[in-house]
Amino acid sequence: MYIKETVVNNQVGLHARPATFFIQKANEFKSSIWIEKEERRVNAKSLLGVLSLGIVKGSKISIIADGSDEKEAVNTLVELISSNFSE
């Protein structure tokens, strides 16, 4: 299991279009991936799950992965968030 914390800094947070990009990227990996915010953990490959966390600009989240490509998955998703989804 591999975990990394990051802060979402893009304007709309993980909502609508950025959430869709995030989920598409998460689905490229074999590992199970979750997003955790304030003790709530959801499947990072589920649009409804990700949207249900209500991640807005400035939210601190953890990305957790477990599987054969866990480090690559977490690092890629943290990088995507850090790039503000190329906005």
C-alpha atoms as a PDB file:
ATOM      1  CA  MET A   1       0.000   0.000   0.000  1.00  0.00           C
ATOM      2  CA  TYR A   2       1.306   3.448  -0.946  1.00  0.00           C
ATOM      3  CA  ILE A   3      -0.125   6.771   0.302  1.00  0.00           C
ATOM      4  CA  LYS A   4       0.577  10.415  -0.526  1.00  0.00           C
ATOM      5  CA  GLU A   5      -1.100  13.624   0.632  1.00  0.00           C
ATOM      6  CA  THR A   6      -1.713  16.569  -1.661  1.00  0.00           C
ATOM      7  CA  VAL A   7      -3.726  19.781  -1.777  1.00  0.00           C
ATOM      8  CA  VAL A   8      -6.161  20.500  -4.600  1.00  0.00           C
ATOM      9  CA  ASN A   9      -5.472  24.027  -5.887  1.00  0.00           C
ATOM     10  CA  ASN A  10      -7.355  24.306  -9.171  1.00  0.00           C
ATOM     11  CA  GLN A  11     -10.342  26.682  -9.303  1.00  0.00           C
ATOM     12  CA  VAL A  12     -13.213  24.162  -9.198  1.00  0.00           C
ATOM     13  CA  GLY A  13     -11.571  21.427  -7.145  1.00  0.00           C
ATOM     14  CA  LEU A  14     -12.304  17.834  -8.136  1.00  0.00           C
ATOM     15  CA  HIS A  15     -15.626  18.536  -9.774  1.00  0.00           C
ATOM     16  CA  ALA A  16     -17.054  17.779 -13.235  1.00  0.00           C
ATOM     17  CA  ARG A  17     -14.301  17.998 -15.873  1.00  0.00           C
ATOM     18  CA  PRO A  18     -11.246  17.686 -13.550  1.00  0.00           C
ATOM     19  CA  ALA A  19     -12.900  14.729 -11.765  1.00  0.00           C
ATOM     20  CA  THR A  20     -13.466  13.036 -15.120  1.00  0.00           C
ATOM     21  CA  PHE A  21      -9.794  13.499 -16.082  1.00  0.00           C
ATOM     22  CA  PHE A  22      -8.729  12.169 -12.683  1.00  0.00           C
ATOM     23  CA  ILE A  23     -10.913   9.052 -12.978  1.00  0.00           C
ATOM     24  CA  GLN A  24      -9.790   8.341 -16.543  1.00  0.00           C
ATOM     25  CA  LYS A  25      -6.180   8.514 -15.361  1.00  0.00           C
ATOM     26  CA  ALA A  26      -6.904   6.312 -12.310  1.00  0.00           C
ATOM     27  CA  ASN A  27      -8.495   3.697 -14.563  1.00  0.00           C
ATOM     28  CA  GLU A  28      -5.217   3.328 -16.492  1.00  0.00           C
ATOM     29  CA  PHE A  29      -3.733   1.499 -13.488  1.00  0.00           C
ATOM     30  CA  LYS A  30      -4.282  -2.063 -12.268  1.00  0.00           C
ATOM     31  CA  SER A  31      -4.035  -1.131  -8.579  1.00  0.00           C
ATOM     32  CA  SER A  32      -7.020  -0.407  -6.364  1.00  0.00           C
ATOM     33  CA  ILE A  33      -7.010   3.363  -5.777  1.00  0.00           C
ATOM     34  CA  TRP A  34      -8.861   5.433  -3.203  1.00  0.00           C
ATOM     35  CA  ILE A  35      -9.163   9.111  -2.311  1.00  0.00           C
ATOM     36  CA  GLU A  36      -9.487   9.999   1.337  1.00  0.00           C
ATOM     37  CA  LYS A  37     -10.731  13.327   2.696  1.00  0.00           C
ATOM     38  CA  GLU A  38     -11.476  13.903   6.384  1.00  0.00           C
ATOM     39  CA  GLU A  39     -11.782  10.195   7.276  1.00  0.00           C
ATOM     40  CA  ARG A  40     -14.018   9.411   4.248  1.00  0.00           C
ATOM     41  CA  ARG A  41     -12.536   7.060   1.675  1.00  0.00           C
ATOM     42  CA  VAL A  42     -13.976   6.447  -1.795  1.00  0.00           C
ATOM     43  CA  ASN A  43     -12.972   4.519  -4.898  1.00  0.00           C
ATOM     44  CA  ALA A  44     -10.904   6.874  -7.074  1.00  0.00           C
ATOM     45  CA  LYS A  45     -12.228   5.099 -10.179  1.00  0.00           C
ATOM     46  CA  SER A  46     -15.843   6.031  -9.377  1.00  0.00           C
ATOM     47  CA  LEU A  47     -17.178   9.404 -10.565  1.00  0.00           C
ATOM     48  CA  LEU A  48     -20.019   9.360  -8.052  1.00  0.00           C
ATOM     49  CA  GLY A  49     -17.628   8.468  -5.236  1.00  0.00           C
ATOM     50  CA  VAL A  50     -15.160  11.227  -6.098  1.00  0.00           C
ATOM     51  CA  LEU A  51     -17.898  13.846  -6.495  1.00  0.00           C
ATOM     52  CA  SER A  52     -19.475  12.789  -3.179  1.00  0.00           C
ATOM     53  CA  LEU A  53     -16.368  13.961  -1.299  1.00  0.00           C
ATOM     54  CA  GLY A  54     -17.052  17.575  -2.302  1.00  0.00           C
ATOM     55  CA  ILE A  55     -13.381  18.357  -2.930  1.00  0.00           C
ATOM     56  CA  VAL A  56     -12.999  22.111  -3.426  1.00  0.00           C
ATOM     57  CA  LYS A  57      -9.993  24.376  -3.937  1.00  0.00           C
ATOM     58  CA  GLY A  58      -7.699  24.108  -0.920  1.00  0.00           C
ATOM     59  CA  SER A  59      -8.895  20.634   0.145  1.00  0.00           C
ATOM     60  CA  LYS A  60      -6.226  18.333   1.552  1.00  0.00           C
ATOM     61  CA  ILE A  61      -6.654  14.770   0.305  1.00  0.00           C
ATOM     62  CA  SER A  62      -4.764  11.495   0.446  1.00  0.00           C
ATOM     63  CA  ILE A  63      -4.387   9.242  -2.549  1.00  0.00           C
ATOM     64  CA  ILE A  64      -3.979   5.598  -1.620  1.00  0.00           C
ATOM     65  CA  ALA A  65      -3.164   2.698  -3.930  1.00  0.00           C
ATOM     66  CA  ASP A  66      -2.636  -0.995  -3.402  1.00  0.00           C
ATOM     67  CA  GLY A  67      -1.380  -3.258  -6.171  1.00  0.00           C
ATOM     68  CA  SER A  68       1.392  -3.969  -8.636  1.00  0.00           C
ATOM     69  CA  ASP A  69       1.670  -0.374  -9.922  1.00  0.00           C
ATOM     70  CA  GLU A  70       0.693   1.458  -6.704  1.00  0.00           C
ATOM     71  CA  LYS A  71       3.636   3.897  -6.564  1.00  0.00           C
ATOM     72  CA  GLU A  72       3.326   4.881 -10.211  1.00  0.00           C
ATOM     73  CA  ALA A  73      -0.451   5.308  -9.822  1.00  0.00           C
ATOM     74  CA  VAL A  74      -0.222   7.549  -6.745  1.00  0.00           C
ATOM     75  CA  ASN A  75       2.654   9.639  -8.121  1.00  0.00           C
ATOM     76  CA  THR A  76       0.902  10.133 -11.485  1.00  0.00           C
ATOM     77  CA  LEU A  77      -2.376  11.215  -9.841  1.00  0.00           C
ATOM     78  CA  VAL A  78      -0.605  13.568  -7.391  1.00  0.00           C
ATOM     79  CA  GLU A  79       1.254  15.088 -10.373  1.00  0.00           C
ATOM     80  CA  LEU A  80      -2.066  15.560 -12.230  1.00  0.00           C
ATOM     81  CA  ILE A  81      -3.529  17.401  -9.229  1.00  0.00           C
ATOM     82  CA  SER A  82      -0.345  19.474  -8.754  1.00  0.00           C
ATOM     83  CA  SER A  83      -0.505  20.569 -12.405  1.00  0.00           C
ATOM     84  CA  ASN A  84      -4.023  21.939 -11.715  1.00  0.00           C
ATOM     85  CA  PHE A  85      -5.265  19.611 -14.486  1.00  0.00           C
ATOM     86  CA  SER A  86      -3.353  21.786 -16.979  1.00  0.00           C
ATOM     87  CA  GLU A  87      -5.865  24.626 -16.575  1.00  0.00           C
END
